[in-house]
Each structure stands twice: as structure tokens, then as C-alpha cells.
Protein backbone atom coordinates (compact mmCIF):
# COMPACT_ATOMS: atom_id res chain seq x y z
CA MET A 1 -21.04 27.57 6.51
CA MET A 2 -19.69 26.69 9.96
CA PRO A 3 -21.05 27.97 13.02
CA ASP A 4 -19.18 30.70 15.59
CA THR A 5 -15.92 29.49 17.04
CA LEU A 6 -15.52 29.45 20.79
CA PRO A 7 -12.53 31.14 22.04
CA GLN A 8 -9.36 29.71 21.81
CA SER A 9 -8.93 30.46 25.88
CA PHE A 10 -12.44 28.96 26.93
CA GLY A 11 -11.61 26.65 29.42
CA GLY A 12 -8.22 25.51 28.42
CA LEU A 13 -9.94 24.28 25.21
CA PRO A 14 -9.02 24.29 21.23
CA PRO A 15 -11.03 25.80 18.99
CA GLY A 16 -14.05 24.54 18.03
CA PRO A 17 -18.06 25.45 16.94
CA ALA A 18 -20.21 27.00 20.07
CA GLN A 19 -22.86 24.92 19.39
CA VAL A 20 -23.14 21.08 19.69
CA VAL A 21 -23.19 19.31 16.53
CA THR A 22 -25.31 16.37 15.70
CA ALA A 23 -24.97 12.77 14.44
CA ASP A 24 -27.16 13.69 11.29
CA GLU A 25 -25.08 16.40 10.39
CA ILE A 26 -22.02 14.51 10.64
CA ARG A 27 -23.61 11.71 8.39
CA GLU A 28 -24.75 13.72 5.80
CA ASP A 29 -21.19 14.08 4.58
CA PRO A 30 -18.36 12.67 6.95
CA LEU A 31 -15.57 13.39 4.57
CA ALA A 32 -16.68 17.06 3.92
CA PHE A 33 -17.33 17.42 7.61
CA LEU A 34 -13.96 16.02 8.87
CA THR A 35 -12.45 18.10 6.13
CA THR A 36 -14.02 21.52 6.75
CA PHE A 37 -13.40 20.86 10.53
CA ALA A 38 -9.64 20.56 9.67
CA ASP A 39 -9.40 23.58 7.35
CA THR A 40 -11.70 25.84 10.04
CA TYR A 41 -9.93 24.93 13.39
CA GLY A 42 -6.43 23.83 12.46
CA PRO A 43 -4.37 21.10 14.40
CA ILE A 44 -7.00 20.34 17.29
CA SER A 45 -10.52 21.39 17.67
CA PHE A 46 -13.24 20.39 19.96
CA HIS A 47 -16.59 20.04 19.98
CA ARG A 48 -20.06 18.31 21.70
CA THR A 49 -22.26 16.23 20.69
CA ALA A 50 -26.60 16.65 21.04
CA VAL A 51 -25.81 13.43 23.93
CA GLY A 52 -22.88 15.72 25.94
CA GLU A 53 -20.21 13.51 24.26
CA SER A 54 -16.60 15.90 24.21
CA VAL A 55 -15.17 15.02 21.03
CA PHE A 56 -11.61 16.13 20.07
CA MET A 57 -10.20 16.02 16.40
CA VAL A 58 -6.59 16.00 15.47
CA THR A 59 -5.26 16.66 12.21
CA THR A 60 -1.60 16.53 12.70
CA ALA A 61 0.95 13.98 11.76
CA GLU A 62 2.65 14.66 15.24
CA LEU A 63 -0.71 14.98 17.43
CA ALA A 64 -2.03 11.64 15.30
CA GLY A 65 1.26 9.59 16.06
CA GLU A 66 1.18 11.12 20.11
CA VAL A 67 -2.65 9.70 19.98
CA LEU A 68 -2.09 6.28 18.44
CA SER A 69 1.49 5.03 19.76
CA SER A 70 0.36 6.27 23.62
CA GLY A 71 -1.37 2.90 24.03
CA GLU A 72 -4.18 1.38 25.98
CA ASN A 73 -3.33 3.07 29.40
CA ARG A 74 -3.46 6.48 28.16
CA PHE A 75 -5.62 6.55 25.21
CA THR A 76 -8.18 3.31 24.79
CA LYS A 77 -10.01 1.78 21.78
CA HIS A 78 -12.84 0.88 24.87
CA GLU A 79 -15.95 2.44 24.39
CA THR A 80 -15.13 3.99 21.02
CA ALA A 81 -17.40 4.57 17.91
CA ASP A 82 -15.42 1.52 17.00
CA ASP A 83 -16.57 -0.55 20.06
CA TYR A 84 -20.34 0.49 19.44
CA MET A 85 -20.52 -1.11 15.92
CA LEU A 86 -17.91 -3.93 15.92
CA THR A 87 -18.06 -5.78 18.89
CA PRO A 88 -21.94 -7.27 18.54
CA LEU A 89 -20.61 -8.88 15.16
CA LEU A 90 -16.86 -9.59 16.06
CA GLY A 91 -17.57 -10.66 19.69
CA GLU A 92 -14.19 -10.07 21.68
CA GLY A 93 -11.68 -10.54 19.24
CA LEU A 94 -8.55 -8.83 18.48
CA LEU A 95 -10.05 -6.00 16.99
CA THR A 96 -12.33 -5.09 19.72
CA SER A 97 -10.32 -6.22 22.86
CA HIS A 98 -8.69 -4.24 24.95
CA GLY A 99 -5.79 -4.49 27.58
CA GLU A 100 -4.14 -7.32 28.72
CA GLU A 101 -7.00 -9.30 27.08
CA TRP A 102 -5.92 -7.49 23.89
CA ARG A 103 -2.22 -8.01 24.22
CA ARG A 104 -2.56 -11.85 25.28
CA GLN A 105 -4.52 -12.17 21.98
CA ARG A 106 -2.36 -10.36 19.86
CA ASP A 107 0.90 -12.38 21.32
CA ILE A 108 -1.63 -15.42 20.50
CA THR A 109 -1.97 -14.62 16.82
CA GLN A 110 1.24 -12.74 15.55
CA PRO A 111 2.34 -16.14 14.54
CA MET A 112 -0.27 -16.43 12.24
CA PHE A 113 1.17 -13.65 10.30
CA GLN A 114 4.73 -14.55 9.73
CA ARG A 115 5.96 -14.01 6.24
CA HIS A 116 6.94 -17.71 5.39
CA ARG A 117 3.17 -18.32 6.43
CA ILE A 118 1.80 -15.25 4.09
CA GLU A 119 3.85 -16.19 1.27
CA ALA A 120 2.69 -19.84 0.80
CA PHE A 121 -0.56 -18.87 -0.32
CA GLY A 122 0.67 -16.86 -2.98
CA PRO A 123 -0.56 -19.29 -6.05
CA LYS A 124 -3.50 -19.67 -4.18
CA ILE A 125 -3.99 -15.77 -4.66
CA VAL A 126 -2.89 -16.06 -8.39
CA GLU A 127 -4.91 -18.61 -9.31
CA SER A 128 -7.96 -17.16 -7.95
CA ALA A 129 -7.21 -13.76 -9.91
CA LYS A 130 -6.90 -15.70 -13.16
CA SER A 131 -9.95 -17.08 -12.82
CA LEU A 132 -11.67 -13.85 -12.01
CA ALA A 133 -10.00 -11.99 -14.93
CA ALA A 134 -11.18 -15.10 -17.34
CA ARG A 135 -14.69 -14.75 -16.17
CA TRP A 136 -14.86 -11.02 -16.75
CA ALA A 137 -13.01 -10.97 -20.05
CA GLU A 138 -16.01 -13.17 -21.08
CA GLN A 139 -18.62 -10.99 -20.30
CA SER A 140 -20.26 -8.92 -23.01
CA PRO A 141 -18.94 -5.29 -23.63
CA ASP A 142 -22.61 -3.86 -23.36
CA LEU A 143 -23.08 -5.40 -19.82
CA PRO A 144 -21.21 -3.40 -17.10
CA ILE A 145 -19.22 -5.61 -14.43
CA THR A 146 -19.87 -5.00 -11.05
CA VAL A 147 -15.69 -4.43 -10.20
CA ASP A 148 -16.27 -3.61 -6.07
CA LEU A 149 -18.67 -6.57 -5.74
CA ASP A 150 -16.43 -9.21 -7.98
CA LEU A 151 -13.26 -7.90 -5.45
CA THR A 152 -15.26 -8.40 -2.11
CA ALA A 153 -16.04 -11.81 -3.29
CA LEU A 154 -12.68 -12.48 -4.77
CA ALA A 155 -10.83 -11.19 -1.10
CA LEU A 156 -13.55 -13.06 0.73
CA GLU A 157 -12.22 -16.29 -1.33
CA VAL A 158 -8.83 -15.88 -0.45
CA VAL A 159 -8.81 -14.86 3.28
CA ALA A 160 -11.20 -18.29 3.69
CA PHE A 161 -8.76 -20.36 2.10
CA ALA A 162 -6.12 -18.44 4.24
CA ILE A 163 -7.65 -18.50 7.50
CA LEU A 164 -9.92 -21.68 7.40
CA GLY A 165 -8.76 -23.70 4.26
CA GLY A 166 -12.11 -23.70 2.93
CA ASP A 167 -14.20 -22.47 -0.17
CA LEU A 168 -16.90 -19.79 0.69
CA SER A 169 -17.86 -19.97 -2.92
CA GLY A 170 -19.96 -22.71 -2.00
CA VAL A 171 -22.13 -20.72 0.13
CA GLY A 172 -23.56 -18.52 -3.04
CA GLN A 173 -24.18 -14.93 -2.87
CA GLY A 174 -25.57 -15.13 0.53
CA PHE A 175 -22.17 -14.53 2.58
CA GLY A 176 -21.51 -11.39 0.29
CA LEU A 177 -24.56 -10.14 0.82
CA ALA A 178 -24.76 -10.52 4.55
CA VAL A 179 -21.39 -8.93 5.02
CA ASP A 180 -22.44 -5.98 2.63
CA ALA A 181 -25.56 -5.48 4.83
CA VAL A 182 -23.79 -5.69 8.50
CA ASN A 183 -21.26 -3.26 7.01
CA ALA A 184 -24.44 -0.79 5.93
CA ALA A 185 -25.70 -1.66 9.45
CA MET A 186 -23.07 -1.29 11.67
CA SER A 187 -22.02 2.29 9.82
CA HIS A 188 -25.94 3.64 10.11
CA GLY A 189 -26.09 2.32 14.29
CA ASP A 190 -26.31 4.65 16.75
CA PRO A 191 -25.51 3.63 20.48
CA ASN A 192 -28.50 6.24 21.64
CA ASP A 193 -31.35 5.06 19.03
CA THR A 194 -34.73 4.63 20.25
CA PRO A 195 -35.26 1.23 20.91
CA ASP A 196 -39.08 1.24 19.93
CA ASP A 197 -38.60 3.14 17.20
CA PRO A 198 -39.96 1.19 14.14
CA GLU A 199 -36.84 2.13 11.69
CA VAL A 200 -34.28 1.15 14.58
CA LEU A 201 -36.30 -2.05 14.94
CA ALA A 202 -36.25 -2.65 11.35
CA HIS A 203 -32.28 -1.55 11.00
CA TYR A 204 -31.42 -4.12 14.02
CA ALA A 205 -33.57 -7.02 12.25
CA GLU A 206 -31.83 -6.77 9.35
CA PHE A 207 -28.30 -6.45 10.98
CA GLY A 208 -29.16 -9.61 13.29
CA LYS A 209 -30.32 -11.47 10.39
CA ALA A 210 -27.42 -11.23 8.49
CA LYS A 211 -24.85 -11.44 11.32
CA ARG A 212 -26.87 -14.86 11.58
CA THR A 213 -25.58 -15.87 8.18
CA ILE A 214 -22.11 -15.33 8.76
CA ASP A 215 -22.52 -17.13 12.28
CA ARG A 216 -23.42 -20.31 10.78
CA VAL A 217 -20.61 -19.58 8.14
CA VAL A 218 -17.81 -19.64 10.32
CA THR A 219 -19.28 -21.75 13.09
CA LEU A 220 -19.13 -24.62 10.52
CA LEU A 221 -16.05 -23.94 8.84
CA ILE A 222 -14.62 -24.40 12.17
CA ASP A 223 -16.61 -27.08 13.39
CA ALA A 224 -15.79 -29.18 10.40
CA ARG A 225 -12.09 -27.83 10.60
CA LYS A 226 -11.92 -29.59 14.08
CA LEU A 227 -13.56 -33.01 13.04
CA LEU A 228 -11.69 -33.64 9.92
CA GLY A 229 -8.38 -31.58 10.55
CA GLY A 230 -6.86 -29.47 7.65
CA ALA A 231 -5.34 -30.72 4.40
CA ASP A 232 -2.76 -32.82 4.04
CA ASP A 233 -0.93 -31.29 1.12
CA GLY A 234 -0.99 -27.26 0.74
CA PRO A 235 0.20 -24.56 3.18
CA ALA A 236 -1.57 -25.37 6.95
CA ASP A 237 -4.43 -22.23 7.09
CA LEU A 238 -4.24 -19.73 9.88
CA LEU A 239 -7.04 -21.80 11.93
CA THR A 240 -4.81 -24.66 12.19
CA VAL A 241 -1.93 -21.97 13.55
CA LEU A 242 -4.81 -20.69 15.79
CA LEU A 243 -6.02 -24.03 16.99
CA GLU A 244 -2.00 -25.01 17.87
CA SER A 245 -1.42 -21.60 19.54
CA VAL A 246 -1.25 -20.88 23.18
CA ASP A 247 -0.15 -17.74 25.78
CA PRO A 248 3.41 -17.47 25.31
CA ILE A 249 2.98 -16.41 29.38
CA THR A 250 -0.03 -18.64 30.57
CA GLY A 251 0.69 -21.57 27.94
CA GLU A 252 -3.60 -21.36 27.80
CA PRO A 253 -5.03 -21.91 24.35
CA LEU A 254 -8.08 -19.51 23.05
CA THR A 255 -11.50 -20.76 24.21
CA ALA A 256 -14.27 -21.47 22.13
CA GLU A 257 -15.73 -18.28 22.10
CA GLU A 258 -12.18 -16.78 21.70
CA LEU A 259 -11.55 -18.37 18.66
CA LYS A 260 -14.73 -17.63 16.61
CA ALA A 261 -14.40 -13.99 17.83
CA GLN A 262 -10.96 -14.19 15.67
CA VAL A 263 -11.70 -16.26 12.85
CA MET A 264 -15.09 -13.80 12.27
CA THR A 265 -12.44 -10.60 13.03
CA MET A 266 -9.75 -11.98 10.68
CA VAL A 267 -12.26 -13.24 7.92
CA MET A 268 -14.06 -9.66 8.26
CA ALA A 269 -11.18 -7.27 8.44
CA GLY A 270 -9.35 -9.39 6.19
CA HIS A 271 -10.94 -8.69 3.16
CA GLU A 272 -12.34 -5.09 3.42
CA THR A 273 -8.85 -3.24 3.03
CA THR A 274 -7.78 -5.73 -0.37
CA ALA A 275 -10.82 -5.34 -1.96
CA LYS A 276 -11.38 -1.32 -1.30
CA SER A 277 -7.71 -0.80 -2.49
CA LEU A 278 -8.20 -2.95 -5.58
CA THR A 279 -11.61 -1.26 -6.49
CA TRP A 280 -10.14 2.42 -6.03
CA SER A 281 -6.54 1.16 -7.79
CA LEU A 282 -8.77 0.01 -10.87
CA TYR A 283 -10.80 3.44 -10.63
CA LEU A 284 -7.69 5.70 -10.86
CA LEU A 285 -6.10 3.35 -13.69
CA SER A 286 -8.95 3.91 -15.69
CA GLN A 287 -8.69 7.75 -15.36
CA HIS A 288 -5.39 7.99 -15.87
CA PRO A 289 -3.88 6.07 -18.98
CA ASP A 290 -0.43 7.35 -18.51
CA VAL A 291 0.01 5.04 -15.06
CA ALA A 292 -1.91 2.48 -16.82
CA HIS A 293 0.74 2.40 -19.59
CA GLU A 294 3.46 2.66 -16.95
CA ILE A 295 1.95 -0.12 -14.82
CA HIS A 296 1.54 -2.61 -18.31
CA THR A 297 5.27 -1.98 -19.30
CA GLU A 298 6.90 -2.85 -15.70
CA LEU A 299 4.69 -6.14 -16.19
CA GLN A 300 5.61 -6.75 -19.78
CA THR A 301 9.24 -6.23 -18.34
CA VAL A 302 9.18 -8.44 -15.21
CA LEU A 303 6.92 -11.04 -16.22
CA GLY A 304 7.02 -11.47 -20.14
CA GLY A 305 3.40 -13.11 -20.18
CA ARG A 306 4.33 -15.93 -17.03
CA ASP A 307 2.24 -15.68 -14.23
CA VAL A 308 3.20 -13.08 -11.76
CA THR A 309 4.94 -14.94 -8.40
CA ILE A 310 6.13 -13.96 -4.71
CA ASP A 311 9.15 -13.55 -5.79
CA ASP A 312 8.41 -10.92 -8.51
CA ILE A 313 6.93 -8.73 -6.06
CA PRO A 314 10.33 -6.95 -5.12
CA GLN A 315 10.64 -6.11 -9.09
CA LEU A 316 7.30 -4.12 -8.99
CA PRO A 317 7.46 -0.92 -7.50
CA ILE A 318 4.89 0.58 -9.71
CA THR A 319 2.58 -1.59 -9.05
CA ARG A 320 3.22 -1.51 -5.11
CA SER A 321 3.16 2.37 -5.51
CA ILE A 322 -0.29 2.52 -7.18
CA LEU A 323 -1.70 0.54 -4.34
CA GLN A 324 0.13 2.68 -1.91
CA GLU A 325 -1.59 5.47 -3.62
CA ALA A 326 -5.20 4.36 -3.96
CA MET A 327 -4.72 3.85 -0.52
CA ARG A 328 -3.60 7.43 0.08
CA LEU A 329 -6.24 9.11 -1.89
CA TYR A 330 -9.11 6.62 -0.34
CA PRO A 331 -8.01 4.91 2.48
CA PRO A 332 -10.09 2.01 3.18
CA ILE A 333 -10.36 2.97 7.28
CA TRP A 334 -11.04 7.01 7.01
CA ILE A 335 -11.70 7.41 10.93
CA ILE A 336 -9.87 6.40 13.92
CA SER A 337 -11.15 6.76 17.67
CA ARG A 338 -9.72 6.57 21.22
CA ARG A 339 -10.90 7.41 24.48
CA ALA A 340 -8.66 9.20 27.18
CA VAL A 341 -8.74 6.92 30.29
CA ASN A 342 -7.49 9.88 32.37
CA ALA A 343 -7.37 13.98 32.19
CA ASP A 344 -4.41 14.62 29.97
CA THR A 345 -3.11 17.12 27.52
CA LEU A 346 -2.80 17.13 23.87
CA GLY A 347 -1.24 19.71 21.86
CA GLY A 348 -1.13 22.22 24.84
CA TYR A 349 -5.00 21.77 25.17
CA ASP A 350 -7.33 20.03 28.33
CA ILE A 351 -8.80 16.73 27.51
CA PRO A 352 -11.32 15.81 30.32
CA ALA A 353 -10.97 11.52 31.13
CA GLY A 354 -13.34 10.01 29.37
CA SER A 355 -13.27 12.16 25.96
CA LEU A 356 -13.22 11.23 22.49
CA ILE A 357 -10.27 11.75 20.51
CA CYS A 358 -10.43 11.12 16.58
CA VAL A 359 -7.71 10.72 14.19
CA SER A 360 -8.96 10.88 10.40
CA PRO A 361 -6.16 9.50 7.93
CA TRP A 362 -8.76 10.68 4.89
CA VAL A 363 -7.69 14.05 6.65
CA LEU A 364 -4.00 12.95 7.05
CA HIS A 365 -3.86 11.91 3.30
CA HIS A 366 -5.29 14.85 1.98
CA SER A 367 -3.41 17.73 3.73
CA ASN A 368 -1.03 19.62 1.62
CA ARG A 369 0.99 20.04 4.76
CA TYR A 370 2.57 16.83 3.49
CA TRP A 371 1.62 16.06 0.36
CA ASP A 372 2.21 17.95 -2.61
CA ASN A 373 -0.86 18.45 -5.05
CA PRO A 374 -2.48 16.04 -2.25
CA GLU A 375 -6.06 15.64 -4.77
CA GLN A 376 -3.77 14.23 -7.38
CA PHE A 377 -2.93 10.61 -8.14
CA ASP A 378 0.72 10.43 -8.42
CA PRO A 379 2.05 7.27 -7.44
CA SER A 380 5.55 8.22 -8.12
CA ARG A 381 5.31 9.44 -4.83
CA PHE A 382 5.90 6.30 -3.30
CA ARG A 383 8.81 5.38 -4.88
CA SER A 384 11.37 7.74 -2.97
CA SER A 385 13.54 6.47 -1.15
CA SER A 386 12.72 8.29 1.90
CA GLY A 387 8.84 7.24 2.22
CA PRO A 388 6.10 9.30 4.36
CA ALA A 389 6.83 10.98 7.15
CA PRO A 390 5.95 9.17 9.80
CA PHE A 391 2.00 8.98 10.94
CA THR A 392 1.64 11.20 7.35
CA TYR A 393 0.24 8.28 5.73
CA VAL A 394 -1.37 5.57 8.24
CA PRO A 395 -4.09 3.22 5.78
CA PHE A 396 -3.86 0.26 8.33
CA GLY A 397 -3.64 2.64 11.68
CA GLY A 398 -0.71 3.18 13.48
CA GLY A 399 1.23 2.74 17.11
CA PRO A 400 0.72 -0.66 18.92
CA ARG A 401 -2.54 -1.37 18.05
CA VAL A 402 -1.65 -1.07 14.16
CA CYS A 403 -3.44 -3.70 11.56
CA ILE A 404 -1.99 -7.29 11.99
CA GLY A 405 -2.23 -8.49 8.34
CA ARG A 406 -1.08 -5.66 6.73
CA GLY A 407 1.27 -7.67 5.43
CA PHE A 408 -0.59 -10.07 3.98
CA ALA A 409 -3.24 -7.65 2.60
CA LEU A 410 -0.42 -5.73 1.00
CA ILE A 411 0.83 -9.03 -0.83
CA GLU A 412 -2.45 -9.90 -1.55
CA ALA A 413 -3.52 -6.76 -3.30
CA GLN A 414 -0.15 -6.61 -5.37
CA LEU A 415 -0.31 -10.28 -6.72
CA ILE A 416 -4.13 -9.55 -7.66
CA LEU A 417 -3.95 -6.22 -9.06
CA ALA A 418 -0.31 -7.43 -10.99
CA THR A 419 -2.22 -10.37 -12.47
CA LEU A 420 -6.01 -8.35 -13.34
CA CYS A 421 -3.78 -5.74 -15.19
CA GLN A 422 -1.31 -8.22 -16.92
CA ARG A 423 -4.49 -9.56 -18.86
CA LEU A 424 -7.16 -6.49 -18.97
CA ASP A 425 -7.76 -3.12 -19.64
CA PHE A 426 -10.38 -1.13 -17.33
CA THR A 427 -12.79 1.50 -18.78
CA LEU A 428 -15.51 3.35 -16.37
CA TRP A 429 -18.84 2.69 -17.54
CA PRO A 430 -20.07 5.67 -19.32
CA ASN A 431 -22.05 8.07 -17.28
CA HIS A 432 -20.99 6.42 -14.14
CA VAL A 433 -20.73 8.32 -11.16
CA VAL A 434 -18.08 7.61 -8.12
CA VAL A 435 -18.46 9.10 -5.03
CA PRO A 436 -16.64 7.77 -1.94
CA GLU A 437 -19.33 6.65 0.91
CA ALA A 438 -18.04 6.46 4.21
CA LEU A 439 -19.33 3.83 6.09
CA VAL A 440 -17.48 1.42 8.01
CA THR A 441 -14.75 1.78 5.25
CA LEU A 442 -14.83 4.09 2.40
CA ARG A 443 -16.42 2.55 -0.51
CA PRO A 444 -17.55 3.70 -3.86
CA GLY A 445 -21.20 4.98 -3.00
CA ASN A 446 -22.67 4.01 -6.26
CA GLY A 447 -20.87 1.02 -6.61
CA MET A 448 -17.88 0.70 -9.46
CA ALA A 449 -19.27 -0.64 -12.86
CA MET A 450 -16.34 -1.17 -15.66
CA THR A 451 -15.85 -2.43 -18.79
CA VAL A 452 -12.48 -4.65 -19.69
CA SER A 453 -11.07 -5.53 -22.68
CA ARG A 454 -8.43 -8.62 -23.20
CA ARG A 455 -4.73 -7.29 -23.20
CA GLY A 456 -2.18 -9.52 -25.39
CA SER A 457 -2.82 -13.24 -25.22
CA SER A 458 -2.38 -13.89 -21.17
CA GLU A 459 -4.89 -15.78 -20.08
């Protein structure tokens, strides 16, 4: 039950709870908290936190678009929750930098994501997915497959090859476990933690250990590339592009610290969306055999048993729409925050300078304002000619800071999903409970345990 509501005219602020909202209240069930706020208070709400933070939440596409499109001079990422969580790990990379420094880094890194560079990695993506499908097919049906962990490892393998030209499988499970550890640690951290609390100390010790593991691997790969150069055959990896890039205005290259921050950002952010969207897609297909039949028919019609290629993607609309619908129901990034640079107005209400403003893809994607039967898995909604209205669908954010790697992520995910579904059927492990858990990204809180069976003769 929500607390009493402040009068709408109170100080020119939008409606919201009269009491402060504690971090524990939000962490107990962040998705339910956001949904209840939207249902109770409407398009824009206001609440204060226990530490005096003023927070506004917007729940319409119009207001979300205004917040995300306005740019750094009006609504900035600086000193938001994303900043507090990500900067200690990633440094001042593209995801965490601000203002003119962000513009400079964006201009330098943009050439990395030109379509012809992305498409060059298609064969490697398909080969990696085929190897995973073969391993899964050999597993005993009496034992569950940890689909979420295996897809995370696959996405890390692909992104490491694309960005660094290296193979992270050689470092064993340590890298993947470190990634999971920092994700969990960042999600439960609090900038107002008491530094001498034993639980807080243990929390940051775990984060520090995992961060050092990731740092060592990334630094080793960068140093090896500088010393040995890239491979003579195959596509130029994105690190090579970074090493050769300069600011188009100043002519200056990235510094060593900036280079490391960019690589850390690309490795960490570059695998999360792909792994999560694939995990949720396979889960949803296991629960909807009619849609599974549709993708199998499409793959057989278009591919006829051969491997998928980049050139096939335009002829696989069902495959693409399954991923899009999975990211609608389970958006990898479930909350986006900005801070008001100056005193402002939004939706007719006063926004004091320094206020935190939150946009939730989870709320937008589940709103019956924009979606018919929003809780239903219906990939066909993405196969209309018009597509979703602006800012009703924001799995990669929106505005100037929309994810720079979204093109790579979508191509990679389509190739992997096609390869896996061409070869295997997926069934949820009996009695396995799937619950979305909102950490840095939206992941299955209990993991994703499944079994597989071979399809046809594709290997």
C-alpha cells in the first residue's frame, strides 16, 4: 500500500508520497516499486530519499523523450546512480564521461561501429555459437544447462575477439566470475555507506578483488596488442581502430588511461545486452511453442540447413522480432537517470537544480498506454511497418547518449539466436522458477536452467 499523497499544488511539485523513500524500500523489489509509482502517481511523480535527494520519475514517452533528448547542458549523467556504480570500475570512458569530454570520446570511438566493421565479425560470431550449440547438445538430459552463464561466456568471447582480437576463454572461468561479482557489488553499493561497517568493508573488498582480475586481463591484452600488433588475416579488431584514432577536432589520440577506460567500457557493456536478450529470448521460446514453431519454419525456409550469414538477416524478421520483444518484456537496462543542471520545468512542474530524474524502460515497455496486452509475449507487434512510437521502446536508451554499440549487439544476437534455434529445442528445467532481478542489468535472479534436444541434422 502506497503512503499518503502530497497535495498536487505543494511547492509546484508533482504528486508523490508524503514520507521519504528509503533505499531498502526500493531494493526490496525495484520493478514493483517503479510500476506501483507509475500506477499511483501518473506521468510524473516526486519523492525524497532518506538522505535528502529530490527524485522525479517520468513514465510517459513524451517526458522520457524530453529528458533523454535534451543533452548534457540540461539533464546530465554526472553524479547520477550510474556514475556512482560504473565509474569506479570503468573509469572515465564513453559510458561515464560527461560534456565536452564525452563528445570527444564519442567522436573518436564512432568509427569503431561502422557497419562494415561490425559485419566483418559475422563468421566468428556464428562459429562461436555453433561450438556452444554442439557442447549443449552433448550434455546429458538429466543435468540442467546454465543457459544464462553460458551465454554470458559466449558474449564475452565474441566481444573480446571483436574489441581486442583476443580469446578470453584462455583465462578460464575467472573473468566471467569477476564480471558477475562486480555487477552484483555495484548493484548493492550505496554512496552513503558507513565506511567502517564490516558488511560494507566486505562488500567493497569483493568488488576490489573482482575489479583487479578484470583490470589485469584487459591490461594484458592491450599491452600484447601494442607489442605484437594485430593479426595479419581476418577483420581489424576495434582496439586497432582505437589505437589509430584521433580526435577529429584536435588531432589528439586517446591517452593510455582513456584507452583502458574505453576498452573496459566496451568489454563490460558490450556483452551484457546480448547475453541477457538471448537468455530471455530462449526462456520465452520455451514457454511459447507456437512462436518457437514460427522461428524454426523461418530458419528452415531461408537457410535450408546451411549456416546463417550477415546477408540473411533482412530475410529473418521473425528472429529479429523475438529479440526485440524479449528486450521489451525484459529490458536489459531497466532504469536510466539524469540530473537537472539548473532549475527547470518538466510536465508543467518545477524541477529544482540538482534533482535526480529517472526514466524506466521497464515501465515504458509494460505500459498499456503504448502496448496492447503489454504483459503478453507477441513478437508480431515488431513486424508492423510503423514500428513503436518514439521513446515507447528504449532498450538501448535514447537521445544523444543512445548506446553506440546497439548495431553490433543486434547483429550479434540475431546470428546467435538463429544458430542456436536452427540446431536445438529448449525446455525450462522442471520446477525452475524464473524471476527477473534488477541489478545493474535485468537478469534472471535464479539463473536460467534448461535442457536441450537436437533438431534435424544441423550440427
